[in-house]
Amino acid sequence: MTANIAGHPATAIPTLSFQQIRAALLARQELALLDVREEAPFAEAHPLFAANLPLGRIELEAYARIPRRGTAIVVYDDGEGLALPAARRLLQLGYDAVHLLEGGLQGWRAAGGEIFRDVNSASKAFGELVESQRHTPSLSAPEVKALLDAGADVVVLDARRYDEYHTMSVPGGVSVPGAELVLRARALAPCPETRIIVNCAGRTRSIIGSQSLINAGIPNPVSALRNGTIGWTLAGQQLEHGKTQRFSDHADALNAAGHQEQAKAASRNVADRAKVGRASLALLQGWQQENGRTTYRLDVRTPEEYIAGHLPGFSCAPGGQLVQETDHVAPVRGARIVLADDDGVRANMTASWLAQMGWDVHVLDGLQKADFSEAGQPQPTLPPLPPSAPVSAAELAQWLDDSSNQATVLLDFSSSASYARQHIPGARFALRSQLAAVFQQTPGAARYVLASGDSLSAHYAAGDLQQLTERPVFVLAGGTAAWIAAGLPAQSGETALASPRIDRYRRPYEGTGNPAAAMQAYLDWEYGLVAQLAADGTHGFFVI
């Protein structure tokens, strides 16, 4: 198998079959299986360990998500014609082991490959496996509401990201994102008789969060809120909105009672049981010199802590979301993962779950405060921008206002959510992956102006568009942000869609106003994931 995924001349793009990919996964060889469609079609059908990297975002994300240029990469679509240009683009970026999936997604199906739905499917399937084997305690939404209404000795800890919690939350809940649970629970529920209820939007993060507390030996009774805020809503119960209560409001209690030392010892014990590896800075430096191995370096603390100071070369990946979204952060299955924190709790607990998910994961030991020497958000490494002609916001405003010239076509390559929230009047939302179809909609243009939030997406799209037309192509300098900063007018809504809004899958468990049928269908899908894992057979998961 190794010979089949070695480098190849840039002029040829070989294929790999379902059987070859399956063998590589079972052998724990490094492999990035990339679905280059937009997120919505990806969420409808994909293999278990496929990672979504849309064609139009390859330059923006590839170097961060697939850091080693020699990584074996397999690219596929479902007949849309995106896989070949994506493979060529990856070759242009310096990746030298790029392949196409033989027969695309249909070839995977035809060969008997299992097909999964939604996003972060591997993590969600793992969560269901954990519950099925450990019988993680849970309470229904009516049962939890009855406890709250009765004034019972209960705390509700919300394991989602803070922005999700702020959007909608269980009454009285406190935001405690997943990796913080073991570190903070003793301070938030110091009385051992206090019942701890962990919730998320659906099932996975509440299962993993509850089981984390149980694995770490928390003395309190612990239960997951069965089916999360979806279950709460389907039971006809009201959620709260705009709440701001965070674990950090109780930070003093963490150290005052020595809870951190208890959590540290318990977390190390759990990591050892899961066979988590240990690493030093010296060992990590040696790993970074390896040409044939990918090592992800991830800081699992909060984004605020990361920005205040982190290890050079480490990326921000809060632990709870990392377990939930491993396919996005680390799309190279079989890679090595090294985790860091400054407390000895969050990295160990996160690593314990990644190890059970089949990852070669290590925790960085012996860190000192001085090691967290880099502040702020690092600038991403990106390929060179293609040459393009800039246009200022003021000049674009004149072009758009010129009643004698109606032939300036303005295309916005922001995400569809950003476009709907705010865009330049007259702009048309466009997906770079559908640029040829967008171009056919504007045959009479005298010039094209491309915009996006920060102009990066527009710059890369400009190179593609210039190959389709002899008309001049301009990029708005500074992007839509510069237009807004100049005090020029903006509008919101789906005013002009040159492409459909398929760049993001509408999750039934995020935001408000989701149809009840969609929420129930999502839960029904999750219930079936353990059987799908067995049918797939490549996961390598185990549960301690």
Protein backbone atom coordinates (compact mmCIF):
# COMPACT_ATOMS: atom_id res chain seq x y z
CA MET A 1 0.00 0.00 0.00
CA THR A 2 2.83 2.40 0.80
CA ALA A 3 4.06 2.33 -2.79
CA ASN A 4 0.60 3.18 -4.00
CA ILE A 5 0.52 6.45 -2.07
CA ALA A 6 4.03 7.64 -2.82
CA GLY A 7 4.92 10.78 -4.77
CA HIS A 8 4.30 11.05 -8.50
CA PRO A 9 5.09 13.43 -11.35
CA ALA A 10 3.09 16.64 -11.31
CA THR A 11 1.85 15.85 -14.81
CA ALA A 12 -0.05 12.75 -13.65
CA ILE A 13 -2.80 12.39 -11.08
CA PRO A 14 -3.25 8.72 -10.17
CA THR A 15 -6.30 7.22 -8.53
CA LEU A 16 -6.74 5.19 -5.38
CA SER A 17 -9.56 2.70 -4.98
CA PHE A 18 -11.92 2.23 -2.06
CA GLN A 19 -10.02 -0.96 -1.16
CA GLN A 20 -6.64 0.83 -1.10
CA ILE A 21 -7.97 3.65 1.06
CA ARG A 22 -9.62 1.21 3.44
CA ALA A 23 -6.32 -0.69 3.77
CA ALA A 24 -4.46 2.56 4.54
CA LEU A 25 -6.99 3.51 7.24
CA LEU A 26 -6.80 0.09 8.86
CA ALA A 27 -2.99 0.27 8.82
CA ARG A 28 -3.10 3.72 10.48
CA GLN A 29 -1.13 5.22 7.58
CA GLU A 30 -1.32 8.96 7.11
CA LEU A 31 -4.06 9.88 4.67
CA ALA A 32 -6.13 12.99 3.98
CA LEU A 33 -9.40 12.05 2.26
CA LEU A 34 -10.75 15.39 1.02
CA ASP A 35 -14.29 16.12 -0.13
CA VAL A 36 -13.89 19.29 -2.22
CA ARG A 37 -17.61 20.05 -2.58
CA GLU A 38 -19.29 22.79 -0.58
CA GLU A 39 -20.27 21.93 2.98
CA ALA A 40 -24.00 21.37 2.36
CA PRO A 41 -23.58 18.59 -0.24
CA PHE A 42 -20.70 17.16 1.80
CA ALA A 43 -23.05 16.88 4.80
CA GLU A 44 -25.52 14.89 2.72
CA ALA A 45 -23.13 11.99 2.02
CA HIS A 46 -19.45 11.22 2.64
CA PRO A 47 -17.11 8.51 4.00
CA LEU A 48 -16.50 8.38 7.74
CA PHE A 49 -13.04 9.97 7.74
CA ALA A 50 -13.55 12.39 4.87
CA ALA A 51 -12.72 16.02 5.63
CA ASN A 52 -14.45 18.87 3.87
CA LEU A 53 -12.10 21.26 2.05
CA PRO A 54 -14.10 23.07 -0.65
CA LEU A 55 -12.34 23.80 -3.92
CA GLY A 56 -12.70 27.54 -3.39
CA ARG A 57 -10.96 27.46 -0.01
CA ILE A 58 -7.92 25.32 -0.78
CA GLU A 59 -5.45 28.21 -0.84
CA LEU A 60 -6.92 29.62 2.38
CA GLU A 61 -6.88 26.39 4.42
CA ALA A 62 -4.60 23.73 2.95
CA TYR A 63 -1.28 24.78 4.48
CA ALA A 64 -2.75 25.01 7.99
CA ARG A 65 -4.83 21.85 7.84
CA ILE A 66 -2.37 19.68 5.88
CA PRO A 67 1.00 21.02 7.03
CA ARG A 68 3.25 18.37 5.44
CA ARG A 69 3.57 18.67 1.65
CA GLY A 70 4.31 14.97 1.27
CA THR A 71 1.04 13.88 2.87
CA ALA A 72 -0.90 11.27 0.92
CA ILE A 73 -4.03 13.11 -0.26
CA VAL A 74 -7.10 11.64 -1.95
CA VAL A 75 -9.57 14.08 -3.50
CA TYR A 76 -13.14 13.35 -4.56
CA ASP A 77 -16.48 14.87 -5.54
CA ASP A 78 -19.79 13.35 -6.62
CA GLY A 79 -19.58 14.07 -10.32
CA GLU A 80 -19.61 17.89 -10.09
CA GLY A 81 -16.26 18.23 -11.85
CA LEU A 82 -14.49 19.72 -8.82
CA ALA A 83 -12.04 16.95 -7.92
CA LEU A 84 -9.66 17.30 -10.86
CA PRO A 85 -9.16 21.08 -10.55
CA ALA A 86 -8.79 20.64 -6.79
CA ALA A 87 -6.09 18.01 -7.28
CA ARG A 88 -4.27 20.26 -9.72
CA ARG A 89 -4.50 23.17 -7.31
CA LEU A 90 -3.00 21.07 -4.51
CA LEU A 91 -0.15 20.06 -6.82
CA GLN A 92 0.46 23.74 -7.59
CA LEU A 93 0.68 24.41 -3.86
CA GLY A 94 3.50 21.89 -3.54
CA TYR A 95 1.72 18.74 -2.40
CA ASP A 96 3.37 15.87 -4.25
CA ALA A 97 1.27 12.81 -3.29
CA VAL A 98 -2.14 13.85 -4.62
CA HIS A 99 -4.65 11.30 -5.89
CA LEU A 100 -8.23 11.10 -7.09
CA LEU A 101 -10.71 8.69 -5.54
CA GLU A 102 -11.43 6.06 -8.14
CA GLY A 103 -14.99 6.62 -9.33
CA GLY A 104 -15.54 9.52 -6.90
CA LEU A 105 -18.16 9.22 -4.21
CA GLN A 106 -20.25 6.96 -6.43
CA GLY A 107 -17.26 4.65 -6.74
CA TRP A 108 -17.04 4.52 -2.96
CA ARG A 109 -20.73 3.59 -2.76
CA ALA A 110 -20.47 1.01 -5.52
CA ALA A 111 -17.54 -0.69 -3.79
CA GLY A 112 -19.60 -1.11 -0.62
CA GLY A 113 -18.20 1.85 1.30
CA GLU A 114 -20.35 3.10 4.17
CA ILE A 115 -21.86 6.57 3.68
CA PHE A 116 -22.28 9.00 6.59
CA ARG A 117 -24.29 12.21 6.88
CA ASP A 118 -23.97 15.54 8.67
CA VAL A 119 -20.67 17.14 9.75
CA ASN A 120 -18.11 15.88 12.29
CA SER A 121 -19.61 12.43 11.80
CA ALA A 122 -16.65 10.47 13.19
CA SER A 123 -16.74 12.40 16.46
CA LYS A 124 -20.50 12.04 16.77
CA ALA A 125 -20.35 8.33 16.04
CA PHE A 126 -17.65 7.98 18.70
CA GLY A 127 -19.86 9.76 21.22
CA GLU A 128 -22.67 7.31 20.53
CA LEU A 129 -20.24 4.41 20.95
CA VAL A 130 -19.14 5.80 24.32
CA GLU A 131 -22.73 6.02 25.54
CA SER A 132 -23.55 2.53 24.29
CA GLN A 133 -20.58 0.98 26.11
CA ARG A 134 -20.41 3.09 29.26
CA HIS A 135 -24.15 3.67 29.63
CA THR A 136 -23.54 7.34 30.38
CA PRO A 137 -26.37 8.52 32.68
CA SER A 138 -28.86 10.93 31.16
CA LEU A 139 -32.06 12.69 32.10
CA SER A 140 -34.85 13.76 29.76
CA ALA A 141 -35.74 17.41 29.27
CA PRO A 142 -38.96 17.10 31.35
CA GLU A 143 -37.01 15.44 34.16
CA VAL A 144 -34.43 18.22 34.21
CA LYS A 145 -37.10 20.91 34.07
CA ALA A 146 -38.89 19.30 37.01
CA LEU A 147 -35.68 19.42 39.07
CA LEU A 148 -35.10 23.06 38.19
CA ASP A 149 -38.72 24.01 38.92
CA ALA A 150 -38.52 22.28 42.28
CA GLY A 151 -35.37 24.20 43.23
CA ALA A 152 -33.35 21.00 43.53
CA ASP A 153 -29.62 21.07 44.25
CA VAL A 154 -28.61 21.07 40.57
CA VAL A 155 -26.14 22.92 38.34
CA VAL A 156 -26.46 22.89 34.56
CA LEU A 157 -23.14 23.12 32.72
CA ASP A 158 -23.31 23.93 29.00
CA ALA A 159 -20.45 22.20 27.16
CA ARG A 160 -20.81 24.08 23.86
CA ARG A 161 -18.87 27.08 22.60
CA TYR A 162 -19.79 30.29 24.39
CA ASP A 163 -21.42 31.80 21.28
CA GLU A 164 -23.75 28.81 21.03
CA TYR A 165 -24.62 29.11 24.71
CA HIS A 166 -25.23 32.85 24.34
CA THR A 167 -27.63 32.22 21.44
CA MET A 168 -29.81 29.80 23.39
CA SER A 169 -29.40 27.95 26.66
CA VAL A 170 -31.18 25.85 29.26
CA PRO A 171 -32.56 28.07 32.06
CA GLY A 172 -29.91 28.69 34.68
CA GLY A 173 -27.14 27.10 32.65
CA VAL A 174 -23.49 28.16 32.91
CA SER A 175 -21.15 28.16 29.91
CA VAL A 176 -18.39 25.60 30.54
CA PRO A 177 -16.98 24.46 27.15
CA GLY A 178 -16.07 20.77 27.14
CA ALA A 179 -12.36 20.87 28.00
CA GLU A 180 -13.10 23.08 31.01
CA LEU A 181 -15.51 20.67 32.68
CA VAL A 182 -13.11 18.53 34.69
CA LEU A 183 -11.00 21.59 35.55
CA ARG A 184 -13.95 23.70 36.74
CA ALA A 185 -16.67 21.31 37.98
CA ARG A 186 -15.45 21.03 41.57
CA ALA A 187 -15.49 24.81 41.92
CA LEU A 188 -18.91 25.11 40.31
CA ALA A 189 -20.43 22.29 42.37
CA PRO A 190 -18.33 22.10 45.56
CA CYS A 191 -20.95 20.10 47.46
CA PRO A 192 -20.68 16.41 46.48
CA GLU A 193 -24.47 16.05 46.70
CA THR A 194 -25.05 18.67 43.99
CA ARG A 195 -26.24 17.04 40.80
CA ILE A 196 -24.32 18.11 37.70
CA ILE A 197 -26.22 18.12 34.42
CA VAL A 198 -24.20 18.58 31.24
CA ASN A 199 -25.90 19.78 28.11
CA CYS A 200 -25.04 20.57 24.52
CA ALA A 201 -27.18 21.18 21.45
CA GLY A 202 -27.77 17.54 20.62
CA ARG A 203 -25.98 14.56 22.11
CA THR A 204 -22.24 14.26 21.54
CA ARG A 205 -20.72 16.99 23.70
CA SER A 206 -23.06 16.26 26.60
CA ILE A 207 -22.18 12.56 26.45
CA ILE A 208 -18.43 13.21 26.25
CA GLY A 209 -18.65 15.96 28.87
CA SER A 210 -20.61 13.84 31.34
CA GLN A 211 -18.38 10.84 30.82
CA SER A 212 -15.31 13.04 31.28
CA LEU A 213 -16.52 13.98 34.75
CA ILE A 214 -17.32 10.36 35.55
CA ASN A 215 -13.96 9.14 34.24
CA ALA A 216 -12.19 11.77 36.35
CA GLY A 217 -13.94 10.57 39.50
CA ILE A 218 -16.04 13.63 40.27
CA PRO A 219 -17.97 12.71 43.48
CA ASN A 220 -21.16 14.42 42.35
CA PRO A 221 -23.98 12.59 40.58
CA VAL A 222 -23.60 13.41 36.87
CA SER A 223 -26.14 13.21 34.06
CA ALA A 224 -26.27 14.35 30.46
CA LEU A 225 -29.32 16.31 29.33
CA ARG A 226 -30.66 13.74 26.90
CA ASN A 227 -30.72 15.22 23.37
CA GLY A 228 -29.61 18.64 24.59
CA THR A 229 -31.36 21.82 23.56
CA ILE A 230 -33.02 19.87 20.73
CA GLY A 231 -34.67 17.59 23.29
CA TRP A 232 -35.60 20.61 25.38
CA THR A 233 -37.27 22.27 22.39
CA LEU A 234 -39.04 19.11 21.19
CA ALA A 235 -40.49 18.74 24.71
CA GLY A 236 -42.16 22.14 24.26
CA GLN A 237 -39.97 23.82 26.89
CA GLN A 238 -38.60 27.34 26.56
CA LEU A 239 -34.91 28.11 26.21
CA GLU A 240 -33.25 31.30 27.40
CA HIS A 241 -31.44 33.69 25.05
CA GLY A 242 -28.56 36.10 25.46
CA LYS A 243 -27.26 34.65 28.72
CA THR A 244 -23.68 35.49 29.74
CA GLN A 245 -22.88 33.36 32.79
CA ARG A 246 -19.45 31.78 32.31
CA PHE A 247 -17.21 29.47 34.31
CA SER A 248 -14.71 32.33 34.60
CA ASP A 249 -17.14 34.08 36.95
CA HIS A 250 -16.14 31.43 39.52
CA ALA A 251 -12.38 31.45 38.87
CA ASP A 252 -11.45 32.35 42.46
CA ALA A 253 -13.13 29.22 43.79
CA LEU A 254 -10.94 27.05 41.55
CA ASN A 255 -7.71 27.85 43.36
CA ALA A 256 -9.08 28.67 46.81
CA ALA A 257 -10.15 25.10 47.51
CA GLY A 258 -7.30 23.32 45.72
CA HIS A 259 -9.65 21.95 43.08
CA GLN A 260 -7.08 22.30 40.30
CA GLU A 261 -4.64 19.88 41.93
CA GLN A 262 -7.40 17.30 42.34
CA ALA A 263 -8.41 17.72 38.70
CA LYS A 264 -4.78 17.49 37.57
CA ALA A 265 -4.18 14.17 39.29
CA ALA A 266 -7.47 12.73 38.06
CA SER A 267 -6.87 13.86 34.47
CA ARG A 268 -3.40 12.34 34.35
CA ASN A 269 -4.86 9.07 35.59
CA VAL A 270 -7.49 9.08 32.83
CA ALA A 271 -4.87 9.89 30.18
CA ASP A 272 -2.67 7.04 31.38
CA ARG A 273 -5.60 4.62 31.21
CA ALA A 274 -6.17 5.69 27.60
CA LYS A 275 -2.46 5.14 26.78
CA VAL A 276 -1.83 8.80 25.96
CA GLY A 277 1.80 9.49 25.04
CA ARG A 278 4.03 11.98 26.85
CA ALA A 279 6.29 14.49 25.12
CA SER A 280 8.86 17.14 25.98
CA LEU A 281 9.81 20.25 24.03
CA ALA A 282 13.04 18.55 22.99
CA LEU A 283 11.19 15.48 21.69
CA LEU A 284 8.70 17.70 19.87
CA GLN A 285 11.53 19.58 18.20
CA GLY A 286 12.85 16.29 16.85
CA TRP A 287 9.42 15.31 15.55
CA GLN A 288 9.17 18.61 13.72
CA GLN A 289 12.25 17.68 11.71
CA GLU A 290 10.70 14.47 10.39
CA ASN A 291 9.93 14.59 6.68
CA GLY A 292 7.64 11.57 6.61
CA ARG A 293 5.33 12.31 9.53
CA THR A 294 2.71 14.97 10.24
CA THR A 295 2.62 16.47 13.73
CA TYR A 296 -0.25 18.77 14.70
CA ARG A 297 0.60 21.14 17.58
CA LEU A 298 -2.54 22.27 19.38
CA ASP A 299 -3.25 24.49 22.39
CA VAL A 300 -6.48 23.27 24.01
CA ARG A 301 -7.07 26.23 26.33
CA THR A 302 -9.61 28.98 25.70
CA PRO A 303 -9.11 31.39 22.77
CA GLU A 304 -8.61 34.23 25.25
CA GLU A 305 -5.77 32.39 26.99
CA TYR A 306 -4.24 31.47 23.65
CA ILE A 307 -4.17 35.07 22.46
CA ALA A 308 -2.65 36.22 25.76
CA GLY A 309 0.28 33.83 25.31
CA HIS A 310 0.95 30.49 23.62
CA LEU A 311 3.76 28.23 22.50
CA PRO A 312 5.27 29.33 19.16
CA GLY A 313 3.94 27.21 16.31
CA PHE A 314 0.89 25.97 18.20
CA SER A 315 -2.64 26.52 16.90
CA CYS A 316 -5.68 27.37 18.99
CA ALA A 317 -7.98 24.34 19.36
CA PRO A 318 -10.12 24.44 22.53
CA GLY A 319 -10.32 20.85 23.74
CA GLY A 320 -14.06 20.27 23.74
CA GLN A 321 -14.44 21.49 20.18
CA LEU A 322 -11.33 19.59 19.14
CA VAL A 323 -12.91 16.30 20.17
CA GLN A 324 -16.10 17.38 18.38
CA GLU A 325 -14.41 18.68 15.21
CA THR A 326 -11.24 16.62 14.86
CA ASP A 327 -11.84 16.16 11.13
CA HIS A 328 -11.63 19.91 10.58
CA VAL A 329 -8.60 20.59 12.79
CA ALA A 330 -6.66 17.45 11.85
CA PRO A 331 -7.88 16.10 8.49
CA VAL A 332 -4.80 13.88 8.10
CA ARG A 333 -5.99 10.61 9.61
CA GLY A 334 -3.06 8.73 11.13
CA ALA A 335 -1.11 11.90 11.97
CA ARG A 336 0.51 12.61 15.32
CA ILE A 337 -1.17 15.15 17.62
CA VAL A 338 0.62 17.02 20.44
CA LEU A 339 -1.50 18.94 22.96
CA ALA A 340 -0.50 21.71 25.35
CA ASP A 341 -2.07 23.55 28.29
CA ASP A 342 -0.76 25.30 31.41
CA ASP A 343 -2.74 23.40 34.04
CA GLY A 344 -2.23 19.66 33.44
CA VAL A 345 -5.95 19.03 33.12
CA ARG A 346 -7.35 20.13 29.79
CA ALA A 347 -4.69 18.57 27.57
CA ASN A 348 -4.81 15.25 29.42
CA MET A 349 -8.61 15.00 29.29
CA THR A 350 -8.73 16.00 25.62
CA ALA A 351 -5.94 13.58 24.78
CA SER A 352 -7.73 10.75 26.58
CA TRP A 353 -10.61 11.07 24.12
CA LEU A 354 -8.43 11.48 21.03
CA ALA A 355 -6.49 8.35 21.98
CA GLN A 356 -9.75 6.41 22.22
CA MET A 357 -10.63 7.76 18.77
CA GLY A 358 -7.54 6.07 17.36
CA TRP A 359 -5.15 9.03 17.27
CA ASP A 360 -1.43 8.93 18.07
CA VAL A 361 -1.75 11.69 20.67
CA HIS A 362 0.76 13.08 23.16
CA VAL A 363 0.62 15.65 25.95
CA LEU A 364 3.46 18.13 26.29
CA ASP A 365 4.90 17.94 29.81
CA GLY A 366 7.27 20.17 31.75
CA LEU A 367 6.07 23.48 30.37
CA GLN A 368 6.94 26.72 32.12
CA LYS A 369 5.17 30.07 31.99
CA ALA A 370 8.00 31.49 29.88
CA ASP A 371 7.32 28.88 27.18
CA PHE A 372 4.02 30.60 26.34
CA SER A 373 5.94 33.44 24.75
CA GLU A 374 3.97 34.25 21.62
CA ALA A 375 0.92 36.51 21.92
CA GLY A 376 -1.89 37.31 19.52
CA GLN A 377 -3.30 35.37 16.60
CA PRO A 378 -0.55 34.19 14.22
CA GLN A 379 -0.83 35.18 10.59
CA PRO A 380 -1.68 32.16 8.43
CA THR A 381 0.79 30.86 5.88
CA LEU A 382 -0.78 31.36 2.47
CA PRO A 383 0.35 30.85 -1.11
CA PRO A 384 1.26 34.04 -3.03
CA LEU A 385 -1.69 36.09 -4.20
CA PRO A 386 -2.19 36.06 -7.97
CA PRO A 387 -1.58 39.43 -9.63
CA SER A 388 -4.68 41.61 -9.78
CA ALA A 389 -5.66 45.23 -10.33
CA PRO A 390 -6.87 46.97 -7.16
CA VAL A 391 -9.75 49.40 -6.95
CA SER A 392 -10.44 51.60 -3.93
CA ALA A 393 -13.78 51.73 -2.18
CA ALA A 394 -14.25 55.34 -3.30
CA GLU A 395 -13.57 54.54 -6.95
CA LEU A 396 -15.86 51.50 -6.85
CA ALA A 397 -18.61 53.68 -5.39
CA GLN A 398 -18.22 56.04 -8.38
CA TRP A 399 -18.40 53.15 -10.84
CA LEU A 400 -21.55 51.78 -9.22
CA ASP A 401 -23.17 55.24 -9.09
CA ASP A 402 -22.39 56.09 -12.70
CA SER A 403 -25.79 55.88 -14.37
CA SER A 404 -24.15 55.94 -17.79
CA ASN A 405 -22.23 52.76 -17.03
CA GLN A 406 -24.34 49.84 -15.88
CA ALA A 407 -21.74 47.23 -16.79
CA THR A 408 -19.72 46.99 -13.57
CA VAL A 409 -20.42 43.53 -12.16
CA LEU A 410 -19.61 43.22 -8.47
CA LEU A 411 -19.16 39.66 -7.16
CA ASP A 412 -18.92 38.93 -3.43
CA PHE A 413 -16.95 35.82 -2.44
CA SER A 414 -17.59 36.10 1.30
CA SER A 415 -19.40 33.27 3.06
CA SER A 416 -23.11 33.35 2.33
CA ALA A 417 -23.80 34.08 6.01
CA SER A 418 -21.51 37.11 5.90
CA TYR A 419 -23.04 38.24 2.63
CA ALA A 420 -26.57 38.00 4.00
CA ARG A 421 -25.54 39.89 7.12
CA GLN A 422 -23.90 42.78 5.25
CA HIS A 423 -22.69 43.48 1.73
CA ILE A 424 -22.20 46.26 -0.79
CA PRO A 425 -25.42 47.30 -2.57
CA GLY A 426 -25.52 45.65 -5.98
CA ALA A 427 -23.11 42.86 -5.08
CA ARG A 428 -23.95 39.31 -6.12
CA PHE A 429 -23.05 36.42 -3.85
CA ALA A 430 -20.82 33.95 -5.69
CA LEU A 431 -19.07 30.69 -4.92
CA ARG A 432 -15.62 30.32 -6.40
CA SER A 433 -16.34 26.65 -7.08
CA GLN A 434 -19.18 27.76 -9.40
CA LEU A 435 -17.34 30.63 -11.04
CA ALA A 436 -17.88 29.39 -14.60
CA ALA A 437 -21.65 29.29 -14.07
CA VAL A 438 -21.59 32.72 -12.41
CA PHE A 439 -19.67 34.12 -15.36
CA GLN A 440 -22.33 32.86 -17.76
CA GLN A 441 -24.91 34.96 -15.87
CA THR A 442 -23.08 38.21 -16.64
CA PRO A 443 -22.23 38.12 -20.36
CA GLY A 444 -22.46 41.89 -20.90
CA ALA A 445 -20.05 43.04 -18.20
CA ALA A 446 -17.54 45.72 -19.13
CA ARG A 447 -15.53 45.07 -15.98
CA TYR A 448 -15.64 42.79 -12.97
CA VAL A 449 -14.94 43.80 -9.40
CA LEU A 450 -14.43 41.07 -6.81
CA ALA A 451 -14.93 41.56 -3.09
CA SER A 452 -14.87 39.51 0.09
CA GLY A 453 -14.67 40.31 3.77
CA ASP A 454 -10.92 40.81 3.91
CA SER A 455 -10.26 40.52 0.14
CA LEU A 456 -8.28 37.25 0.37
CA SER A 457 -10.97 35.06 -1.19
CA ALA A 458 -11.51 37.71 -3.86
CA HIS A 459 -7.81 37.81 -4.73
CA TYR A 460 -7.64 34.06 -5.34
CA ALA A 461 -10.91 34.09 -7.28
CA ALA A 462 -9.62 36.92 -9.48
CA GLY A 463 -6.96 34.66 -10.94
CA ASP A 464 -9.63 32.12 -11.90
CA LEU A 465 -11.94 34.72 -13.42
CA GLN A 466 -9.21 36.33 -15.47
CA GLN A 467 -8.79 33.00 -17.26
CA LEU A 468 -12.46 33.12 -18.32
CA THR A 469 -12.66 36.64 -19.69
CA GLU A 470 -10.73 39.30 -21.54
CA ARG A 471 -12.61 41.99 -19.62
CA PRO A 472 -10.66 43.75 -16.84
CA VAL A 473 -10.91 42.16 -13.40
CA PHE A 474 -10.39 44.25 -10.27
CA VAL A 475 -10.20 43.39 -6.58
CA LEU A 476 -11.66 45.75 -4.00
CA ALA A 477 -8.68 46.86 -1.90
CA GLY A 478 -9.28 45.93 1.73
CA GLY A 479 -12.44 44.04 0.85
CA THR A 480 -15.92 44.76 2.10
CA ALA A 481 -14.39 45.76 5.44
CA ALA A 482 -12.72 48.74 3.74
CA TRP A 483 -16.02 49.75 2.12
CA ILE A 484 -17.78 49.70 5.51
CA ALA A 485 -14.89 51.53 7.20
CA ALA A 486 -15.20 54.27 4.60
CA GLY A 487 -18.76 54.88 5.74
CA LEU A 488 -20.28 53.77 2.46
CA PRO A 489 -23.78 52.23 2.45
CA ALA A 490 -24.39 48.53 2.98
CA GLN A 491 -27.38 46.26 2.72
CA SER A 492 -28.36 42.90 4.15
CA GLY A 493 -30.34 39.87 3.05
CA GLU A 494 -30.23 37.56 0.04
CA THR A 495 -30.52 40.42 -2.42
CA ALA A 496 -28.72 38.77 -5.34
CA LEU A 497 -27.53 35.17 -5.29
CA ALA A 498 -25.45 34.21 -8.31
CA SER A 499 -24.71 30.92 -6.51
CA PRO A 500 -26.90 28.92 -4.11
CA ARG A 501 -26.19 29.10 -0.40
CA ILE A 502 -24.58 25.68 -0.14
CA ASP A 503 -21.31 26.77 1.42
CA ARG A 504 -22.65 25.97 4.89
CA TYR A 505 -24.85 23.09 5.98
CA ARG A 506 -27.72 24.30 8.12
CA ARG A 507 -27.29 22.41 11.34
CA PRO A 508 -30.57 21.38 13.00
CA TYR A 509 -28.99 21.97 16.41
CA GLU A 510 -27.64 25.51 15.99
CA GLY A 511 -29.47 28.80 16.08
CA THR A 512 -33.18 29.22 16.59
CA GLY A 513 -36.27 28.46 14.53
CA ASN A 514 -35.20 25.02 13.31
CA PRO A 515 -38.09 22.80 12.13
CA ALA A 516 -39.05 20.12 14.65
CA ALA A 517 -38.94 17.46 11.91
CA ALA A 518 -35.33 18.34 11.11
CA MET A 519 -34.33 18.18 14.77
CA GLN A 520 -36.00 14.80 15.24
CA ALA A 521 -34.45 13.45 12.05
CA TYR A 522 -31.03 14.51 13.32
CA LEU A 523 -31.54 12.64 16.58
CA ASP A 524 -32.76 9.55 14.72
CA TRP A 525 -29.60 9.66 12.60
CA GLU A 526 -27.39 9.85 15.68
CA TYR A 527 -29.11 6.84 17.23
CA GLY A 528 -28.04 4.76 14.21
CA LEU A 529 -24.37 5.72 14.22
CA VAL A 530 -23.09 2.79 16.30
CA ALA A 531 -24.48 0.36 13.72
CA GLN A 532 -22.89 2.42 10.94
CA LEU A 533 -19.53 2.30 12.70
CA ALA A 534 -19.73 -1.49 12.81
CA ALA A 535 -20.63 -1.63 9.12
CA ASP A 536 -17.75 0.69 8.19
CA GLY A 537 -15.15 -1.17 10.25
CA THR A 538 -12.24 1.30 9.80
CA HIS A 539 -12.64 3.47 12.88
CA GLY A 540 -10.23 1.88 15.36
CA PHE A 541 -12.16 3.37 18.30
CA PHE A 542 -12.04 1.91 21.81
CA VAL A 543 -13.65 3.00 25.07
CA ILE A 544 -11.92 2.89 28.45
